[in-house]
Structure formats: C-alpha cells, structure tokens
Amino acid sequence: MSMLTPPGMGGQYRITGDKYPRMRPPRRHGRLVAAVVASAAVLGLLGWGTLQLIDVFTGGKKGTVAAARSECRTKAAPAARGRALPKPGDITVNVYNATQRTGLAKDTADALKKRGFRIGDVGNAAKEFDKKVKGTGILLGPPDARDTSLAVLATQVSGTEQRTVAGRKGATVDLVIGDAFKGLAQPAAAQQALTALTAPKPTAPVTKSC
C-alpha cells in the first residue's frame, strides 16, 4: 500500500505508481488587463488623429493649420518718397571770388545763370575769406538751406564745403570761389548728382508675421 493511501482505503482508491496529482499554475490575469488597456489607448489616439485631419481639411476652429495660415499677415514697408528740393530757378546765388584770378566770379555767375540759377551779387569775397580759401570753394546759407538750396548748388560745384550761418535769413546762398576751383561740374555729372538727391530711398523688404 502506498504511503499516500489513507488508512482503511484500498482497492480502487489505492494510489500506486510514481505519478502524483499536480496543481495547475494560476492564469496570468495581469498581462491580459495590460494588453486590453494598451489596445484601448492606441484606438483612442487613432481616433483623435482622425478628428484633427478632418478639422484641418474642413476649415475648423482657430488653432488648426488652415486657421494659422489665414492669420499670417504680410507687412510691407510704406513706399518711400523722393526729397522735395527747390529748382535752380528758385535759388538766388551770390558769387564771390576769393582768389587772385580776375573775372572768375563773373564767369562763374554767367555759367550758373545758363543752368537756370538766379544770380544776386557778384564780386570779390569779404576780408574773412579773401585769399584764404585753399579748396574748391565754400557754400554759405541759412540753417534751413543745408538740405535744400545748398544741396542743389553743391551738385554744380563738386568738392565745395557747405556751411550754415546762424541767424541768417532768406533763401539766398553764397558761392565763395577758392584757389582749387577749376570750373563747374560737367552738365551730365551735375544732373546725375541732382537726380541722386531726389531719388527715393530703397524700401525695406517685405516681412511676414504669424
């Protein structure tokens, strides 16, 4: 009789041989639950992505790609304007000779008159400038003439020095001829310089803000 056979039992209830009843291992319920949860999460993400695609192609609310593009604004710089300068006929020029060359003031005044300028006084330079201007010449005028009348006159006499006189009134400007003066600028060069003064400045590039 086997040791596993309860006392008083035998016959068909006797356990013989070397086989013993075995316990089945418990089922792994944890893995099954995790798999179910992961599947649900994947399905949820797929559904959310589908809704987003539909929202994009049907023109949905703000925050979609289409709405963001529509909110981009193109900004262009305002159109630049050219400077408003007086015409030669509106500028009166006094011509003074600070050199030892005789007749230079009159000859220069006649040349400026042919180019449309109005001529005022013509003669020798004042004592403060006489025989003291070593360069091409000096342009003198009131403070408000620096970027107007003086700038226009400077296109005709290249290399001159521009000065403003505090307290000076009126629109008349002076040309004091110096030792290095060799004549007015060539008409083509003078016109090119005048065009450059009146040309509008380059506009800023177009920018986009989103």
Protein backbone atom coordinates (compact mmCIF):
# COMPACT_ATOMS: atom_id res chain seq x y z
CA MET A 1 0.00 0.00 0.00
CA SER A 2 1.29 3.40 -0.88
CA MET A 3 2.11 5.98 1.73
CA LEU A 4 -0.41 8.32 0.12
CA THR A 5 -3.27 5.90 0.56
CA PRO A 6 -5.38 6.90 3.55
CA PRO A 7 -5.73 4.25 6.20
CA GLY A 8 -8.61 1.87 5.64
CA MET A 9 -8.77 2.58 1.96
CA GLY A 10 -7.56 0.31 -0.72
CA GLY A 11 -8.70 -1.37 -3.81
CA GLN A 12 -9.78 1.10 -6.43
CA TYR A 13 -8.91 4.05 -4.21
CA ARG A 14 -5.33 2.90 -3.78
CA ILE A 15 -2.71 5.26 -5.24
CA THR A 16 0.03 3.33 -6.84
CA GLY A 17 2.94 4.11 -9.06
CA ASP A 18 5.13 7.20 -9.12
CA LYS A 19 2.55 9.70 -10.56
CA TYR A 20 1.14 12.32 -8.27
CA PRO A 21 -1.66 14.85 -8.82
CA ARG A 22 -0.23 18.24 -9.91
CA MET A 23 -1.65 21.74 -9.33
CA ARG A 24 -2.25 23.91 -12.46
CA PRO A 25 -0.41 27.25 -12.41
CA PRO A 26 -2.64 30.32 -11.91
CA ARG A 27 -3.61 32.21 -15.05
CA ARG A 28 -1.81 35.49 -15.64
CA HIS A 29 -4.74 37.92 -15.50
CA GLY A 30 -2.39 40.96 -15.15
CA ARG A 31 -0.93 40.61 -18.64
CA LEU A 32 -4.37 40.30 -20.17
CA VAL A 33 -5.58 43.50 -18.49
CA ALA A 34 -2.48 45.42 -19.61
CA ALA A 35 -2.97 44.31 -23.20
CA VAL A 36 -6.60 45.47 -23.15
CA VAL A 37 -5.64 48.88 -21.75
CA ALA A 38 -2.87 49.37 -24.37
CA SER A 39 -5.24 48.49 -27.21
CA ALA A 40 -7.79 50.99 -25.95
CA ALA A 41 -5.15 53.72 -25.77
CA VAL A 42 -3.99 53.07 -29.34
CA LEU A 43 -7.54 53.19 -30.64
CA GLY A 44 -8.13 56.45 -28.79
CA LEU A 45 -5.05 58.08 -30.34
CA LEU A 46 -6.05 56.94 -33.81
CA GLY A 47 -9.50 58.41 -33.35
CA TRP A 48 -8.13 61.74 -32.12
CA GLY A 49 -5.74 61.97 -35.07
CA THR A 50 -8.57 61.29 -37.50
CA LEU A 51 -10.64 64.11 -35.99
CA GLN A 52 -7.71 66.51 -36.32
CA LEU A 53 -7.28 65.68 -40.01
CA ILE A 54 -10.96 66.23 -40.63
CA ASP A 55 -10.79 69.56 -38.80
CA VAL A 56 -7.85 70.71 -40.93
CA PHE A 57 -9.37 69.89 -44.31
CA THR A 58 -12.83 71.23 -43.45
CA GLY A 59 -11.61 74.61 -42.11
CA GLY A 60 -12.18 74.15 -38.44
CA LYS A 61 -11.65 76.42 -35.46
CA LYS A 62 -8.62 78.55 -34.60
CA GLY A 63 -5.57 76.51 -33.85
CA THR A 64 -5.77 74.38 -36.96
CA VAL A 65 -3.12 74.66 -39.63
CA ALA A 66 -5.51 76.36 -42.06
CA ALA A 67 -6.56 78.94 -39.48
CA ALA A 68 -2.96 79.64 -38.53
CA ARG A 69 -2.05 80.29 -42.16
CA SER A 70 -5.01 82.59 -42.63
CA GLU A 71 -3.92 84.65 -39.64
CA CYS A 72 -0.45 85.35 -41.12
CA ARG A 73 -0.20 88.96 -42.13
CA THR A 74 2.16 90.31 -44.76
CA LYS A 75 3.72 93.61 -43.85
CA ALA A 76 5.36 95.77 -46.47
CA ALA A 77 7.25 98.95 -45.75
CA PRO A 78 5.47 102.14 -46.85
CA ALA A 79 6.53 103.43 -50.22
CA ALA A 80 9.48 105.80 -49.94
CA ARG A 81 9.17 109.27 -51.41
CA GLY A 82 11.84 111.36 -53.04
CA ARG A 83 13.11 114.54 -51.42
CA ALA A 84 11.34 117.77 -52.36
CA LEU A 85 14.12 120.14 -53.44
CA PRO A 86 13.88 123.63 -54.89
CA LYS A 87 14.50 124.11 -58.60
CA PRO A 88 17.54 126.12 -59.74
CA GLY A 89 15.20 128.94 -60.81
CA ASP A 90 14.05 129.28 -57.20
CA ILE A 91 17.59 129.68 -55.84
CA THR A 92 19.44 133.00 -55.81
CA VAL A 93 23.23 132.70 -55.71
CA ASN A 94 25.76 135.36 -54.73
CA VAL A 95 29.13 134.62 -56.36
CA TYR A 96 32.30 135.88 -54.68
CA ASN A 97 35.91 135.45 -55.82
CA ALA A 98 38.43 134.71 -53.04
CA THR A 99 41.32 134.03 -55.44
CA GLN A 100 43.81 136.25 -57.26
CA ARG A 101 42.33 135.39 -60.65
CA THR A 102 40.38 138.31 -62.03
CA GLY A 103 36.98 137.88 -63.66
CA LEU A 104 36.42 134.45 -62.08
CA ALA A 105 33.28 135.47 -60.18
CA LYS A 106 31.61 136.92 -63.29
CA ASP A 107 32.45 133.94 -65.49
CA THR A 108 31.11 131.50 -62.86
CA ALA A 109 27.97 133.55 -62.33
CA ASP A 110 27.27 133.54 -66.09
CA ALA A 111 27.70 129.75 -66.19
CA LEU A 112 25.29 129.27 -63.28
CA LYS A 113 22.77 131.56 -64.93
CA LYS A 114 22.83 129.40 -68.06
CA ARG A 115 21.97 126.42 -65.85
CA GLY A 116 18.86 128.13 -64.56
CA PHE A 117 20.03 129.71 -61.29
CA ARG A 118 19.17 133.26 -60.34
CA ILE A 119 22.21 135.45 -59.76
CA GLY A 120 22.48 138.03 -56.98
CA ASP A 121 25.68 139.85 -56.04
CA VAL A 122 28.90 139.23 -57.99
CA GLY A 123 32.31 140.44 -56.83
CA ASN A 124 35.29 139.88 -54.59
CA ALA A 125 34.98 137.88 -51.38
CA ALA A 126 34.81 139.52 -47.97
CA LYS A 127 38.02 140.06 -45.99
CA GLU A 128 37.44 136.97 -43.85
CA PHE A 129 37.60 134.78 -47.00
CA ASP A 130 39.75 136.79 -49.44
CA LYS A 131 42.91 134.83 -50.34
CA LYS A 132 42.13 132.37 -47.52
CA VAL A 133 40.12 129.65 -49.28
CA LYS A 134 42.55 126.99 -50.47
CA GLY A 135 39.96 124.42 -51.54
CA THR A 136 37.42 124.46 -54.36
CA GLY A 137 35.12 126.84 -52.54
CA ILE A 138 32.67 127.39 -49.72
CA LEU A 139 28.87 127.44 -49.90
CA LEU A 140 27.16 129.64 -47.30
CA GLY A 141 23.48 129.89 -46.41
CA PRO A 142 20.89 129.95 -43.62
CA PRO A 143 20.47 126.82 -41.43
CA ASP A 144 17.37 125.64 -43.30
CA ALA A 145 19.25 125.71 -46.62
CA ARG A 146 21.63 122.86 -45.75
CA ASP A 147 19.48 120.11 -47.24
CA THR A 148 17.72 122.30 -49.81
CA SER A 149 19.34 125.21 -51.68
CA LEU A 150 22.91 124.43 -50.65
CA ALA A 151 22.49 120.78 -51.61
CA VAL A 152 21.23 121.71 -55.08
CA LEU A 153 24.03 124.24 -55.64
CA ALA A 154 26.61 121.68 -54.49
CA THR A 155 25.67 119.43 -57.41
CA GLN A 156 27.02 122.10 -59.76
CA VAL A 157 30.26 122.77 -57.87
CA SER A 158 31.73 119.48 -56.72
CA GLY A 159 34.18 119.42 -53.84
CA THR A 160 32.90 122.55 -52.11
CA GLU A 161 32.46 122.89 -48.35
CA GLN A 162 28.97 123.64 -47.07
CA ARG A 163 28.46 125.94 -44.08
CA THR A 164 25.39 127.43 -42.48
CA VAL A 165 25.31 130.82 -40.79
CA ALA A 166 23.29 131.00 -37.59
CA GLY A 167 20.75 133.82 -37.65
CA ARG A 168 20.95 134.31 -41.40
CA LYS A 169 17.57 134.82 -43.02
CA GLY A 170 16.23 134.48 -46.53
CA ALA A 171 16.76 131.94 -49.29
CA THR A 172 19.84 133.47 -50.89
CA VAL A 173 23.07 131.42 -50.75
CA ASP A 174 26.71 132.33 -51.42
CA LEU A 175 29.39 130.69 -53.50
CA VAL A 176 32.87 131.72 -52.39
CA ILE A 177 35.35 130.53 -55.02
CA GLY A 178 38.65 129.10 -53.72
CA ASP A 179 42.10 128.52 -55.20
CA ALA A 180 41.38 124.91 -56.27
CA PHE A 181 38.29 125.89 -58.30
CA LYS A 182 38.54 124.74 -61.94
CA GLY A 183 35.00 125.36 -63.11
CA LEU A 184 31.54 123.98 -62.69
CA ALA A 185 30.83 120.27 -62.87
CA GLN A 186 30.03 118.84 -66.27
CA PRO A 187 26.28 119.17 -67.02
CA ALA A 188 25.80 115.38 -67.19
CA ALA A 189 27.57 114.82 -63.88
CA ALA A 190 25.65 117.69 -62.23
CA GLN A 191 22.34 116.29 -63.44
CA GLN A 192 23.25 112.82 -62.21
CA ALA A 193 24.08 114.20 -58.76
CA LEU A 194 20.80 116.15 -58.68
CA THR A 195 18.84 113.03 -59.65
CA ALA A 196 20.51 111.10 -56.84
CA LEU A 197 19.32 113.74 -54.35
CA THR A 198 15.70 113.49 -55.45
CA ALA A 199 15.59 109.71 -55.90
CA PRO A 200 13.52 107.83 -53.30
CA LYS A 201 15.35 105.70 -50.79
CA PRO A 202 15.13 101.89 -51.19
CA THR A 203 12.16 100.40 -49.41
CA ALA A 204 12.54 97.83 -46.68
CA PRO A 205 11.97 94.17 -47.68
CA VAL A 206 8.54 92.61 -47.26
CA THR A 207 8.16 90.87 -43.90
CA LYS A 208 5.66 88.34 -42.64
CA SER A 209 4.43 87.94 -39.10
CA CYS A 210 2.45 84.94 -37.94
